[in-house]
């Protein structure tokens, strides 16, 4: 259960809301004349890459795509940091924005939701999935509400530096703790994780 919840935390604290909600500002700062059109292409890219990720989940595997996503997104956040400290050309912001969304869409966007059904035991899956979804939306609200305050306090460079740190830690967590669920039953995953507790302990005690 903890792995599924942690993936939701990494997903939302990766900075995806900052890229989506401030993309016009980012493109304008990069000197792009038609920021609105670029925003449309960002959304189109997200849809296309998410579609591409579906067959890759079964061929490459969930963990490989998660690691690809967190590493790629971390590199893009570092690129955004360099852009906002005014030492890099405007095209870097454009490349990093599109790259960030592409990496998010191929791994960290869809896979945590998929893995909920694979990591949670059948008897608690409904309750656990509800809790994970509530956590996801709560974290989304927090990141959306705080990004403006963070921008005012530490600037966009600091904001993206913070997200890069989250993604670096997320990469380590995925590499060390997240199992590859492709083609495995829950019993096999349970054996890999070395615990039987999730099968024996209900998430919410039954009422009598």
C-alpha atoms as a PDB file:
ATOM      1  CA  UNK A   1       0.000   0.000   0.000  1.00  0.00           C
ATOM      2  CA  UNK A   2       2.796   2.369   0.927  1.00  0.00           C
ATOM      3  CA  UNK A   3       4.400   2.045  -2.506  1.00  0.00           C
ATOM      4  CA  UNK A   4       1.178   3.011  -4.268  1.00  0.00           C
ATOM      5  CA  UNK A   5       0.704   6.045  -2.027  1.00  0.00           C
ATOM      6  CA  UNK A   6       4.331   7.103  -2.426  1.00  0.00           C
ATOM      7  CA  UNK A   7       4.005   7.017  -6.213  1.00  0.00           C
ATOM      8  CA  UNK A   8       1.055   9.402  -5.924  1.00  0.00           C
ATOM      9  CA  UNK A   9       3.145  11.765  -3.786  1.00  0.00           C
ATOM     10  CA  UNK A  10       6.021  11.708  -6.263  1.00  0.00           C
ATOM     11  CA  UNK A  11       3.618  12.291  -9.150  1.00  0.00           C
ATOM     12  CA  UNK A  12       2.063  15.418  -7.679  1.00  0.00           C
ATOM     13  CA  UNK A  13       5.151  16.916  -6.022  1.00  0.00           C
ATOM     14  CA  UNK A  14       7.141  16.517  -9.239  1.00  0.00           C
ATOM     15  CA  UNK A  15       6.034  19.971 -10.367  1.00  0.00           C
ATOM     16  CA  UNK A  16       3.650  19.001 -13.141  1.00  0.00           C
ATOM     17  CA  UNK A  17       1.149  21.659 -12.059  1.00  0.00           C
ATOM     18  CA  UNK A  18       3.800  24.372 -12.302  1.00  0.00           C
ATOM     19  CA  UNK A  19       4.527  23.434 -15.915  1.00  0.00           C
ATOM     20  CA  UNK A  20       0.858  23.189 -16.891  1.00  0.00           C
ATOM     21  CA  UNK A  21      -0.497  26.268 -15.118  1.00  0.00           C
ATOM     22  CA  UNK A  22       2.463  28.568 -15.809  1.00  0.00           C
ATOM     23  CA  UNK A  23       3.345  27.389 -19.304  1.00  0.00           C
ATOM     24  CA  UNK A  24       2.216  30.681 -20.884  1.00  0.00           C
ATOM     25  CA  UNK A  25       4.486  32.626 -18.522  1.00  0.00           C
ATOM     26  CA  UNK A  26       7.365  30.266 -19.221  1.00  0.00           C
ATOM     27  CA  UNK A  27       6.953  30.567 -22.989  1.00  0.00           C
ATOM     28  CA  UNK A  28       6.653  34.360 -22.791  1.00  0.00           C
ATOM     29  CA  UNK A  29       9.825  34.561 -20.693  1.00  0.00           C
ATOM     30  CA  UNK A  30      11.482  32.389 -23.323  1.00  0.00           C
ATOM     31  CA  UNK A  31      10.604  35.017 -25.941  1.00  0.00           C
ATOM     32  CA  UNK A  32       7.975  32.961 -27.751  1.00  0.00           C
ATOM     33  CA  UNK A  33       5.396  35.165 -29.463  1.00  0.00           C
ATOM     34  CA  UNK A  34       2.446  32.760 -29.559  1.00  0.00           C
ATOM     35  CA  UNK A  35       2.368  31.203 -26.092  1.00  0.00           C
ATOM     36  CA  UNK A  36      -1.277  30.112 -26.397  1.00  0.00           C
ATOM     37  CA  UNK A  37      -0.591  27.985 -29.472  1.00  0.00           C
ATOM     38  CA  UNK A  38       2.404  26.405 -27.790  1.00  0.00           C
ATOM     39  CA  UNK A  39       0.181  25.538 -24.840  1.00  0.00           C
ATOM     40  CA  UNK A  40      -2.128  23.685 -27.198  1.00  0.00           C
ATOM     41  CA  UNK A  41       0.802  21.691 -28.569  1.00  0.00           C
ATOM     42  CA  UNK A  42       1.840  20.796 -25.022  1.00  0.00           C
ATOM     43  CA  UNK A  43      -1.619  19.324 -24.377  1.00  0.00           C
ATOM     44  CA  UNK A  44      -1.540  17.507 -27.719  1.00  0.00           C
ATOM     45  CA  UNK A  45       1.865  16.062 -26.874  1.00  0.00           C
ATOM     46  CA  UNK A  46       0.516  14.840 -23.545  1.00  0.00           C
ATOM     47  CA  UNK A  47      -2.333  12.975 -25.234  1.00  0.00           C
ATOM     48  CA  UNK A  48      -0.118  11.432 -27.925  1.00  0.00           C
ATOM     49  CA  UNK A  49       2.639  10.277 -25.572  1.00  0.00           C
ATOM     50  CA  UNK A  50       0.141   8.852 -23.085  1.00  0.00           C
ATOM     51  CA  UNK A  51      -1.263   6.764 -25.929  1.00  0.00           C
ATOM     52  CA  UNK A  52       2.234   5.622 -26.890  1.00  0.00           C
ATOM     53  CA  UNK A  53       2.943   4.625 -23.283  1.00  0.00           C
ATOM     54  CA  UNK A  54       0.115   2.051 -23.196  1.00  0.00           C
ATOM     55  CA  UNK A  55       1.852  -0.641 -25.299  1.00  0.00           C
ATOM     56  CA  UNK A  56       5.218   0.259 -23.773  1.00  0.00           C
ATOM     57  CA  UNK A  57       3.949  -0.601 -20.293  1.00  0.00           C
ATOM     58  CA  UNK A  58       3.645  -4.235 -21.334  1.00  0.00           C
ATOM     59  CA  UNK A  59       6.765  -4.383 -23.481  1.00  0.00           C
ATOM     60  CA  UNK A  60       9.313  -2.299 -21.571  1.00  0.00           C
ATOM     61  CA  UNK A  61       7.682  -2.661 -18.164  1.00  0.00           C
ATOM     62  CA  UNK A  62       6.262  -0.281 -15.594  1.00  0.00           C
ATOM     63  CA  UNK A  63       9.435   0.253 -13.582  1.00  0.00           C
ATOM     64  CA  UNK A  64      11.571   1.057 -16.625  1.00  0.00           C
ATOM     65  CA  UNK A  65       9.081   3.710 -17.741  1.00  0.00           C
ATOM     66  CA  UNK A  66       8.862   5.159 -14.228  1.00  0.00           C
ATOM     67  CA  UNK A  67      12.641   5.472 -14.021  1.00  0.00           C
ATOM     68  CA  UNK A  68      12.798   6.950 -17.519  1.00  0.00           C
ATOM     69  CA  UNK A  69      10.156   9.481 -16.502  1.00  0.00           C
ATOM     70  CA  UNK A  70      11.667  10.564 -13.183  1.00  0.00           C
ATOM     71  CA  UNK A  71      15.181  10.874 -14.613  1.00  0.00           C
ATOM     72  CA  UNK A  72      13.995  12.726 -17.715  1.00  0.00           C
ATOM     73  CA  UNK A  73      11.747  15.064 -15.732  1.00  0.00           C
ATOM     74  CA  UNK A  74      14.568  15.772 -13.275  1.00  0.00           C
ATOM     75  CA  UNK A  75      16.903  16.732 -16.131  1.00  0.00           C
ATOM     76  CA  UNK A  76      14.197  18.991 -17.599  1.00  0.00           C
ATOM     77  CA  UNK A  77      13.685  20.692 -14.226  1.00  0.00           C
ATOM     78  CA  UNK A  78      17.416  21.352 -14.002  1.00  0.00           C
ATOM     79  CA  UNK A  79      17.216  22.852 -17.489  1.00  0.00           C
ATOM     80  CA  UNK A  80      14.363  25.107 -16.367  1.00  0.00           C
ATOM     81  CA  UNK A  81      16.401  26.149 -13.333  1.00  0.00           C
ATOM     82  CA  UNK A  82      19.290  27.138 -15.605  1.00  0.00           C
ATOM     83  CA  UNK A  83      16.941  29.100 -17.850  1.00  0.00           C
ATOM     84  CA  UNK A  84      15.408  31.087 -14.998  1.00  0.00           C
ATOM     85  CA  UNK A  85      18.744  32.084 -13.524  1.00  0.00           C
ATOM     86  CA  UNK A  86      19.288  33.783 -16.894  1.00  0.00           C
ATOM     87  CA  UNK A  87      22.341  31.857 -17.982  1.00  0.00           C
ATOM     88  CA  UNK A  88      20.718  29.888 -20.798  1.00  0.00           C
ATOM     89  CA  UNK A  89      18.962  30.718 -24.101  1.00  0.00           C
ATOM     90  CA  UNK A  90      15.188  30.824 -24.455  1.00  0.00           C
ATOM     91  CA  UNK A  91      14.961  27.655 -26.516  1.00  0.00           C
ATOM     92  CA  UNK A  92      16.052  25.678 -23.449  1.00  0.00           C
ATOM     93  CA  UNK A  93      12.792  26.524 -21.671  1.00  0.00           C
ATOM     94  CA  UNK A  94      10.800  25.383 -24.696  1.00  0.00           C
ATOM     95  CA  UNK A  95      12.678  22.091 -25.024  1.00  0.00           C
ATOM     96  CA  UNK A  96      12.514  21.382 -21.295  1.00  0.00           C
ATOM     97  CA  UNK A  97       8.790  22.187 -21.072  1.00  0.00           C
ATOM     98  CA  UNK A  98       7.907  19.831 -23.910  1.00  0.00           C
ATOM     99  CA  UNK A  99      10.379  17.228 -22.695  1.00  0.00           C
ATOM    100  CA  UNK A 100       9.019  17.368 -19.158  1.00  0.00           C
ATOM    101  CA  UNK A 101       5.442  16.767 -20.327  1.00  0.00           C
ATOM    102  CA  UNK A 102       6.563  13.936 -22.620  1.00  0.00           C
ATOM    103  CA  UNK A 103       8.427  12.150 -19.827  1.00  0.00           C
ATOM    104  CA  UNK A 104       5.546  12.694 -17.404  1.00  0.00           C
ATOM    105  CA  UNK A 105       3.034  11.310 -19.893  1.00  0.00           C
ATOM    106  CA  UNK A 106       5.038   8.194 -20.654  1.00  0.00           C
ATOM    107  CA  UNK A 107       5.558   7.168 -17.046  1.00  0.00           C
ATOM    108  CA  UNK A 108       4.775   9.175 -13.947  1.00  0.00           C
ATOM    109  CA  UNK A 109       1.380  10.318 -15.225  1.00  0.00           C
ATOM    110  CA  UNK A 110      -0.423   7.046 -16.058  1.00  0.00           C
ATOM    111  CA  UNK A 111       1.569   4.307 -14.323  1.00  0.00           C
ATOM    112  CA  UNK A 112       0.839   5.109 -10.642  1.00  0.00           C
ATOM    113  CA  UNK A 113      -2.879   4.755 -11.413  1.00  0.00           C
ATOM    114  CA  UNK A 114      -2.297   1.454 -13.208  1.00  0.00           C
ATOM    115  CA  UNK A 115      -0.139   0.063 -10.432  1.00  0.00           C
ATOM    116  CA  UNK A 116      -2.793   0.717  -7.809  1.00  0.00           C
ATOM    117  CA  UNK A 117      -4.749  -2.216  -9.186  1.00  0.00           C
ATOM    118  CA  UNK A 118      -1.626  -4.373  -9.237  1.00  0.00           C
ATOM    119  CA  UNK A 119      -0.125  -3.532  -5.844  1.00  0.00           C
ATOM    120  CA  UNK A 120      -3.235  -3.450  -3.662  1.00  0.00           C
ATOM    121  CA  UNK A 121      -4.677  -6.778  -2.423  1.00  0.00           C
ATOM    122  CA  UNK A 122      -8.115  -7.658  -3.748  1.00  0.00           C
ATOM    123  CA  UNK A 123      -9.871  -7.419  -0.381  1.00  0.00           C
ATOM    124  CA  UNK A 124      -8.745  -3.836   0.257  1.00  0.00           C
ATOM    125  CA  UNK A 125      -8.329  -2.637  -3.332  1.00  0.00           C
ATOM    126  CA  UNK A 126     -11.442  -0.471  -3.395  1.00  0.00           C
ATOM    127  CA  UNK A 127     -10.682   1.291  -0.100  1.00  0.00           C
ATOM    128  CA  UNK A 128      -6.970   1.611  -0.839  1.00  0.00           C
ATOM    129  CA  UNK A 129      -7.623   3.025  -4.309  1.00  0.00           C
ATOM    130  CA  UNK A 130     -10.025   5.581  -2.841  1.00  0.00           C
ATOM    131  CA  UNK A 131      -7.421   6.672  -0.306  1.00  0.00           C
ATOM    132  CA  UNK A 132      -4.733   6.896  -2.996  1.00  0.00           C
ATOM    133  CA  UNK A 133      -7.004   8.973  -5.236  1.00  0.00           C
ATOM    134  CA  UNK A 134      -7.881  11.289  -2.336  1.00  0.00           C
ATOM    135  CA  UNK A 135      -4.185  11.691  -1.532  1.00  0.00           C
ATOM    136  CA  UNK A 136      -3.431  12.447  -5.176  1.00  0.00           C
ATOM    137  CA  UNK A 137      -6.062  15.159  -5.453  1.00  0.00           C
ATOM    138  CA  UNK A 138      -5.094  16.630  -2.064  1.00  0.00           C
ATOM    139  CA  UNK A 139      -1.458  16.876  -3.124  1.00  0.00           C
ATOM    140  CA  UNK A 140      -2.524  18.351  -6.459  1.00  0.00           C
ATOM    141  CA  UNK A 141      -4.470  21.043  -4.594  1.00  0.00           C
ATOM    142  CA  UNK A 142      -1.505  21.785  -2.320  1.00  0.00           C
ATOM    143  CA  UNK A 143       0.991  22.093  -5.168  1.00  0.00           C
ATOM    144  CA  UNK A 144      -1.365  24.249  -7.232  1.00  0.00           C
ATOM    145  CA  UNK A 145      -2.048  26.589  -4.312  1.00  0.00           C
ATOM    146  CA  UNK A 146       1.583  26.897  -3.219  1.00  0.00           C
ATOM    147  CA  UNK A 147       3.404  27.291  -6.524  1.00  0.00           C
ATOM    148  CA  UNK A 148       2.628  31.026  -6.731  1.00  0.00           C
ATOM    149  CA  UNK A 149       3.834  31.573  -3.161  1.00  0.00           C
ATOM    150  CA  UNK A 150       6.978  29.583  -3.828  1.00  0.00           C
ATOM    151  CA  UNK A 151       7.584  31.567  -7.013  1.00  0.00           C
ATOM    152  CA  UNK A 152       7.342  34.796  -5.037  1.00  0.00           C
ATOM    153  CA  UNK A 153       9.641  33.523  -2.296  1.00  0.00           C
ATOM    154  CA  UNK A 154      12.382  31.710  -4.198  1.00  0.00           C
ATOM    155  CA  UNK A 155      11.653  32.481  -7.859  1.00  0.00           C
ATOM    156  CA  UNK A 156      11.016  30.027 -10.653  1.00  0.00           C
ATOM    157  CA  UNK A 157      14.634  28.890 -10.487  1.00  0.00           C
ATOM    158  CA  UNK A 158      14.180  27.846  -6.863  1.00  0.00           C
ATOM    159  CA  UNK A 159      10.826  26.219  -7.612  1.00  0.00           C
ATOM    160  CA  UNK A 160      12.258  24.043 -10.359  1.00  0.00           C
ATOM    161  CA  UNK A 161      15.324  23.300  -8.255  1.00  0.00           C
ATOM    162  CA  UNK A 162      12.978  22.024  -5.542  1.00  0.00           C
ATOM    163  CA  UNK A 163      11.072  19.863  -8.019  1.00  0.00           C
ATOM    164  CA  UNK A 164      14.359  18.502  -9.376  1.00  0.00           C
ATOM    165  CA  UNK A 165      15.289  17.396  -5.856  1.00  0.00           C
ATOM    166  CA  UNK A 166      11.912  15.687  -5.416  1.00  0.00           C
ATOM    167  CA  UNK A 167      12.374  13.851  -8.708  1.00  0.00           C
ATOM    168  CA  UNK A 168      15.929  12.829  -7.831  1.00  0.00           C
ATOM    169  CA  UNK A 169      14.687  11.334  -4.560  1.00  0.00           C
ATOM    170  CA  UNK A 170      11.769   9.792  -6.433  1.00  0.00           C
ATOM    171  CA  UNK A 171      14.193   8.125  -8.837  1.00  0.00           C
ATOM    172  CA  UNK A 172      16.071   6.558  -5.932  1.00  0.00           C
ATOM    173  CA  UNK A 173      12.811   5.379  -4.361  1.00  0.00           C
ATOM    174  CA  UNK A 174      11.545   3.818  -7.594  1.00  0.00           C
ATOM    175  CA  UNK A 175      14.889   2.113  -8.213  1.00  0.00           C
ATOM    176  CA  UNK A 176      15.101   0.635  -4.719  1.00  0.00           C
ATOM    177  CA  UNK A 177      11.517   0.037  -3.617  1.00  0.00           C
ATOM    178  CA  UNK A 178       9.105  -0.233  -6.539  1.00  0.00           C
ATOM    179  CA  UNK A 179       8.770  -3.768  -7.958  1.00  0.00           C
ATOM    180  CA  UNK A 180       8.243  -4.549 -11.619  1.00  0.00           C
ATOM    181  CA  UNK A 181       4.588  -5.595 -11.786  1.00  0.00           C
ATOM    182  CA  UNK A 182       4.452  -6.550 -15.473  1.00  0.00           C
ATOM    183  CA  UNK A 183       3.114 -10.077 -15.864  1.00  0.00           C
ATOM    184  CA  UNK A 184       3.182 -10.833 -12.127  1.00  0.00           C
ATOM    185  CA  UNK A 185       0.394 -11.948  -9.816  1.00  0.00           C
ATOM    186  CA  UNK A 186      -0.144 -10.274  -6.468  1.00  0.00           C
ATOM    187  CA  UNK A 187       1.254 -13.370  -4.725  1.00  0.00           C
ATOM    188  CA  UNK A 188       4.477 -13.032  -6.722  1.00  0.00           C
ATOM    189  CA  UNK A 189       4.700  -9.324  -5.905  1.00  0.00           C
ATOM    190  CA  UNK A 190       4.058 -10.046  -2.246  1.00  0.00           C
ATOM    191  CA  UNK A 191       6.880 -12.560  -2.234  1.00  0.00           C
ATOM    192  CA  UNK A 192       9.175 -10.045  -3.934  1.00  0.00           C
ATOM    193  CA  UNK A 193       8.402  -7.441  -1.292  1.00  0.00           C
ATOM    194  CA  UNK A 194       9.003  -9.978   1.439  1.00  0.00           C
ATOM    195  CA  UNK A 195       5.793  -9.424   3.395  1.00  0.00           C
ATOM    196  CA  UNK A 196       2.484 -11.111   3.950  1.00  0.00           C
ATOM    197  CA  UNK A 197       0.971  -8.384   6.118  1.00  0.00           C
ATOM    198  CA  UNK A 198      -1.061  -6.706   3.382  1.00  0.00           C
ATOM    199  CA  UNK A 199      -2.986  -9.943   2.837  1.00  0.00           C
ATOM    200  CA  UNK A 200      -3.801 -10.443   6.507  1.00  0.00           C
ATOM    201  CA  UNK A 201      -4.499  -6.928   7.761  1.00  0.00           C
ATOM    202  CA  UNK A 202      -7.575  -5.088   6.431  1.00  0.00           C
ATOM    203  CA  UNK A 203      -7.174  -1.431   5.539  1.00  0.00           C
ATOM    204  CA  UNK A 204     -10.484  -0.523   7.185  1.00  0.00           C
ATOM    205  CA  UNK A 205     -11.855  -2.679   9.968  1.00  0.00           C
ATOM    206  CA  UNK A 206     -15.278  -4.158   9.251  1.00  0.00           C
ATOM    207  CA  UNK A 207     -18.176  -2.842  11.259  1.00  0.00           C
ATOM    208  CA  UNK A 208     -20.189  -5.172  13.441  1.00  0.00           C
END
